[in-house]
Amino acid sequence: LYDIGDGLTLVNIVTKNEAGKTKAVHTYIGYEGDGFVCVAHSEGLDQPGVIYSYSSHVRMLNANLPYLLDCFWSNVKQ
């Protein structure tokens, strides 16, 4: 969970395969009482040849936060 200001929280849900390798990451933004909206997802991260780093993923989310917030607000009933 990451507090991103204005009462909003960013959550990454990490799914792993049977071997314990990260398979998918789904990112949601939401605020208390109104649920969460999926704003990004990465799948197939356990496939051969895929190079994946969770810390790089978090840096990418941070760099693209304005875009992710636009995705969130465009999917929330205002």
N, C-alpha and C. Protein backbone atom coordinates (compact mmCIF):
# COMPACT_ATOMS: atom_id res chain seq x y z
N LEU A 1 0.84 -1.18 0.00
CA LEU A 1 0.00 0.00 0.00
C LEU A 1 0.88 1.24 0.00
N TYR A 2 0.52 2.17 -0.83
CA TYR A 2 1.26 3.43 -0.91
C TYR A 2 0.27 4.58 -0.79
N ASP A 3 0.47 5.49 0.16
CA ASP A 3 -0.33 6.69 0.29
C ASP A 3 0.17 7.68 -0.75
N ILE A 4 -0.70 8.05 -1.71
CA ILE A 4 -0.26 8.94 -2.78
C ILE A 4 -0.88 10.33 -2.65
N GLY A 5 -1.43 10.64 -1.49
CA GLY A 5 -1.97 11.97 -1.24
C GLY A 5 -3.44 12.09 -1.56
N ASP A 6 -4.05 13.16 -1.08
CA ASP A 6 -5.47 13.45 -1.29
C ASP A 6 -6.38 12.31 -0.86
N GLY A 7 -5.94 11.53 0.14
CA GLY A 7 -6.74 10.41 0.62
C GLY A 7 -6.72 9.18 -0.27
N LEU A 8 -5.86 9.20 -1.29
CA LEU A 8 -5.79 8.08 -2.24
C LEU A 8 -4.71 7.09 -1.85
N THR A 9 -4.96 5.83 -2.17
CA THR A 9 -4.01 4.76 -1.90
C THR A 9 -3.75 4.00 -3.19
N LEU A 10 -2.49 3.67 -3.43
CA LEU A 10 -2.10 2.84 -4.57
C LEU A 10 -1.75 1.46 -4.01
N VAL A 11 -2.29 0.41 -4.63
CA VAL A 11 -2.07 -0.96 -4.17
C VAL A 11 -1.59 -1.80 -5.34
N ASN A 12 -0.54 -2.58 -5.11
CA ASN A 12 -0.08 -3.55 -6.10
C ASN A 12 -0.46 -4.94 -5.60
N ILE A 13 -1.15 -5.70 -6.44
CA ILE A 13 -1.48 -7.09 -6.13
C ILE A 13 -0.55 -7.95 -6.98
N VAL A 14 0.31 -8.71 -6.31
CA VAL A 14 1.30 -9.54 -6.99
C VAL A 14 0.83 -10.99 -6.98
N THR A 15 0.75 -11.61 -8.17
CA THR A 15 0.39 -13.02 -8.30
C THR A 15 1.64 -13.79 -8.66
N LYS A 16 1.85 -14.91 -7.99
CA LYS A 16 3.04 -15.73 -8.25
C LYS A 16 2.62 -17.09 -8.80
N ASN A 17 3.53 -17.72 -9.55
CA ASN A 17 3.26 -19.06 -10.08
C ASN A 17 3.62 -20.11 -9.02
N GLU A 18 3.49 -21.38 -9.39
CA GLU A 18 3.75 -22.47 -8.46
C GLU A 18 5.19 -22.48 -7.96
N ALA A 19 6.11 -21.97 -8.77
CA ALA A 19 7.53 -21.94 -8.41
C ALA A 19 7.88 -20.72 -7.55
N GLY A 20 6.91 -19.85 -7.31
CA GLY A 20 7.15 -18.66 -6.50
C GLY A 20 7.64 -17.46 -7.28
N LYS A 21 7.69 -17.58 -8.62
CA LYS A 21 8.14 -16.47 -9.46
C LYS A 21 6.95 -15.55 -9.77
N THR A 22 7.20 -14.24 -9.76
CA THR A 22 6.13 -13.28 -10.05
C THR A 22 5.56 -13.55 -11.43
N LYS A 23 4.23 -13.70 -11.48
CA LYS A 23 3.51 -14.01 -12.71
C LYS A 23 2.80 -12.77 -13.26
N ALA A 24 2.23 -11.96 -12.35
CA ALA A 24 1.47 -10.78 -12.76
C ALA A 24 1.45 -9.76 -11.63
N VAL A 25 1.32 -8.49 -12.01
CA VAL A 25 1.14 -7.41 -11.04
C VAL A 25 -0.01 -6.54 -11.54
N HIS A 26 -1.00 -6.35 -10.69
CA HIS A 26 -2.12 -5.47 -10.99
C HIS A 26 -2.07 -4.30 -10.02
N THR A 27 -2.20 -3.10 -10.56
CA THR A 27 -2.10 -1.88 -9.76
C THR A 27 -3.46 -1.20 -9.70
N TYR A 28 -3.86 -0.85 -8.48
CA TYR A 28 -5.15 -0.21 -8.23
C TYR A 28 -4.94 1.09 -7.47
N ILE A 29 -5.81 2.06 -7.74
CA ILE A 29 -5.87 3.29 -6.97
C ILE A 29 -7.29 3.41 -6.43
N GLY A 30 -7.40 3.84 -5.19
CA GLY A 30 -8.73 4.02 -4.61
C GLY A 30 -8.69 4.87 -3.38
N TYR A 31 -9.88 5.14 -2.85
CA TYR A 31 -9.95 5.85 -1.58
C TYR A 31 -11.05 5.23 -0.74
N GLU A 32 -10.89 5.41 0.55
CA GLU A 32 -11.75 4.73 1.52
C GLU A 32 -13.23 4.96 1.24
N GLY A 33 -13.97 3.87 1.21
CA GLY A 33 -15.41 3.95 1.03
C GLY A 33 -15.88 3.85 -0.40
N ASP A 34 -15.00 4.00 -1.37
CA ASP A 34 -15.43 3.97 -2.77
C ASP A 34 -14.73 2.91 -3.60
N GLY A 35 -13.98 2.03 -2.98
CA GLY A 35 -13.34 0.95 -3.72
C GLY A 35 -12.13 1.40 -4.52
N PHE A 36 -11.68 0.49 -5.37
CA PHE A 36 -10.46 0.71 -6.13
C PHE A 36 -10.70 0.51 -7.62
N VAL A 37 -9.89 1.18 -8.43
CA VAL A 37 -9.94 1.08 -9.89
C VAL A 37 -8.60 0.54 -10.36
N CYS A 38 -8.62 -0.48 -11.24
CA CYS A 38 -7.38 -1.01 -11.81
C CYS A 38 -6.86 0.02 -12.82
N VAL A 39 -5.63 0.48 -12.61
CA VAL A 39 -5.05 1.50 -13.49
C VAL A 39 -3.87 0.98 -14.30
N ALA A 40 -3.38 -0.22 -13.96
CA ALA A 40 -2.25 -0.81 -14.70
C ALA A 40 -2.17 -2.29 -14.38
N HIS A 41 -1.70 -3.05 -15.34
CA HIS A 41 -1.44 -4.47 -15.07
C HIS A 41 -0.34 -4.97 -15.98
N SER A 42 0.43 -5.89 -15.43
CA SER A 42 1.50 -6.55 -16.18
C SER A 42 1.30 -8.04 -15.99
N GLU A 43 1.24 -8.78 -17.09
CA GLU A 43 1.03 -10.22 -17.01
C GLU A 43 2.11 -10.94 -17.82
N GLY A 44 2.24 -12.23 -17.59
CA GLY A 44 3.23 -13.03 -18.31
C GLY A 44 4.65 -12.78 -17.85
N LEU A 45 4.81 -12.28 -16.63
CA LEU A 45 6.13 -11.93 -16.14
C LEU A 45 6.99 -13.15 -15.83
N ASP A 46 6.37 -14.33 -15.80
CA ASP A 46 7.10 -15.56 -15.52
C ASP A 46 7.47 -16.32 -16.79
N GLN A 47 7.22 -15.72 -17.94
CA GLN A 47 7.52 -16.38 -19.21
C GLN A 47 9.02 -16.37 -19.49
N PRO A 48 9.51 -17.37 -20.22
CA PRO A 48 10.94 -17.42 -20.56
C PRO A 48 11.38 -16.14 -21.28
N GLY A 49 12.52 -15.62 -20.88
CA GLY A 49 13.09 -14.44 -21.52
C GLY A 49 12.64 -13.11 -20.93
N VAL A 50 11.62 -13.14 -20.07
CA VAL A 50 11.13 -11.90 -19.47
C VAL A 50 12.03 -11.52 -18.30
N ILE A 51 12.52 -10.30 -18.33
CA ILE A 51 13.32 -9.77 -17.22
C ILE A 51 12.43 -8.80 -16.47
N TYR A 52 12.18 -9.09 -15.19
CA TYR A 52 11.27 -8.28 -14.40
C TYR A 52 11.88 -7.96 -13.05
N SER A 53 11.72 -6.72 -12.62
CA SER A 53 12.19 -6.28 -11.31
C SER A 53 11.07 -5.48 -10.65
N TYR A 54 10.64 -5.91 -9.46
CA TYR A 54 9.57 -5.20 -8.76
C TYR A 54 9.98 -3.77 -8.45
N SER A 55 11.23 -3.56 -8.05
CA SER A 55 11.67 -2.19 -7.73
C SER A 55 11.61 -1.30 -8.98
N SER A 56 11.94 -1.83 -10.14
CA SER A 56 11.81 -1.06 -11.39
C SER A 56 10.34 -0.78 -11.69
N HIS A 57 9.49 -1.74 -11.39
CA HIS A 57 8.05 -1.58 -11.59
C HIS A 57 7.53 -0.42 -10.74
N VAL A 58 7.95 -0.37 -9.48
CA VAL A 58 7.52 0.70 -8.58
C VAL A 58 8.05 2.05 -9.07
N ARG A 59 9.29 2.10 -9.55
CA ARG A 59 9.83 3.36 -10.09
C ARG A 59 9.03 3.81 -11.31
N MET A 60 8.63 2.85 -12.16
CA MET A 60 7.83 3.18 -13.34
C MET A 60 6.47 3.74 -12.92
N LEU A 61 5.86 3.14 -11.91
CA LEU A 61 4.57 3.64 -11.42
C LEU A 61 4.72 5.07 -10.89
N ASN A 62 5.77 5.31 -10.14
CA ASN A 62 6.02 6.64 -9.59
C ASN A 62 6.22 7.66 -10.71
N ALA A 63 6.97 7.30 -11.73
CA ALA A 63 7.22 8.21 -12.85
C ALA A 63 5.95 8.50 -13.64
N ASN A 64 5.03 7.54 -13.67
CA ASN A 64 3.80 7.68 -14.45
C ASN A 64 2.57 7.98 -13.59
N LEU A 65 2.78 8.40 -12.36
CA LEU A 65 1.66 8.63 -11.45
C LEU A 65 0.63 9.62 -12.00
N PRO A 66 1.02 10.73 -12.63
CA PRO A 66 -0.01 11.63 -13.18
C PRO A 66 -0.93 10.92 -14.19
N TYR A 67 -0.36 10.09 -15.04
CA TYR A 67 -1.17 9.34 -16.01
C TYR A 67 -2.09 8.35 -15.29
N LEU A 68 -1.56 7.65 -14.29
CA LEU A 68 -2.36 6.68 -13.54
C LEU A 68 -3.51 7.37 -12.81
N LEU A 69 -3.25 8.56 -12.28
CA LEU A 69 -4.32 9.31 -11.63
C LEU A 69 -5.39 9.73 -12.63
N ASP A 70 -4.99 10.10 -13.84
CA ASP A 70 -5.97 10.41 -14.89
C ASP A 70 -6.83 9.19 -15.19
N CYS A 71 -6.20 8.02 -15.27
CA CYS A 71 -6.95 6.77 -15.49
C CYS A 71 -7.94 6.54 -14.36
N PHE A 72 -7.49 6.77 -13.14
CA PHE A 72 -8.36 6.59 -11.98
C PHE A 72 -9.56 7.52 -12.05
N TRP A 73 -9.30 8.82 -12.19
CA TRP A 73 -10.40 9.79 -12.16
C TRP A 73 -11.35 9.61 -13.34
N SER A 74 -10.87 9.15 -14.48
CA SER A 74 -11.76 8.95 -15.63
C SER A 74 -12.64 7.72 -15.45
N ASN A 75 -12.32 6.86 -14.49
CA ASN A 75 -13.12 5.66 -14.24
C ASN A 75 -13.94 5.74 -12.96
N VAL A 76 -13.92 6.87 -12.28
CA VAL A 76 -14.66 7.05 -11.03
C VAL A 76 -15.84 7.96 -11.30
N LYS A 77 -16.99 7.58 -10.78
CA LYS A 77 -18.17 8.44 -10.91
C LYS A 77 -17.96 9.67 -10.04
N GLN A 78 -17.96 10.82 -10.67
CA GLN A 78 -17.71 12.06 -9.91
C GLN A 78 -19.00 12.80 -9.67
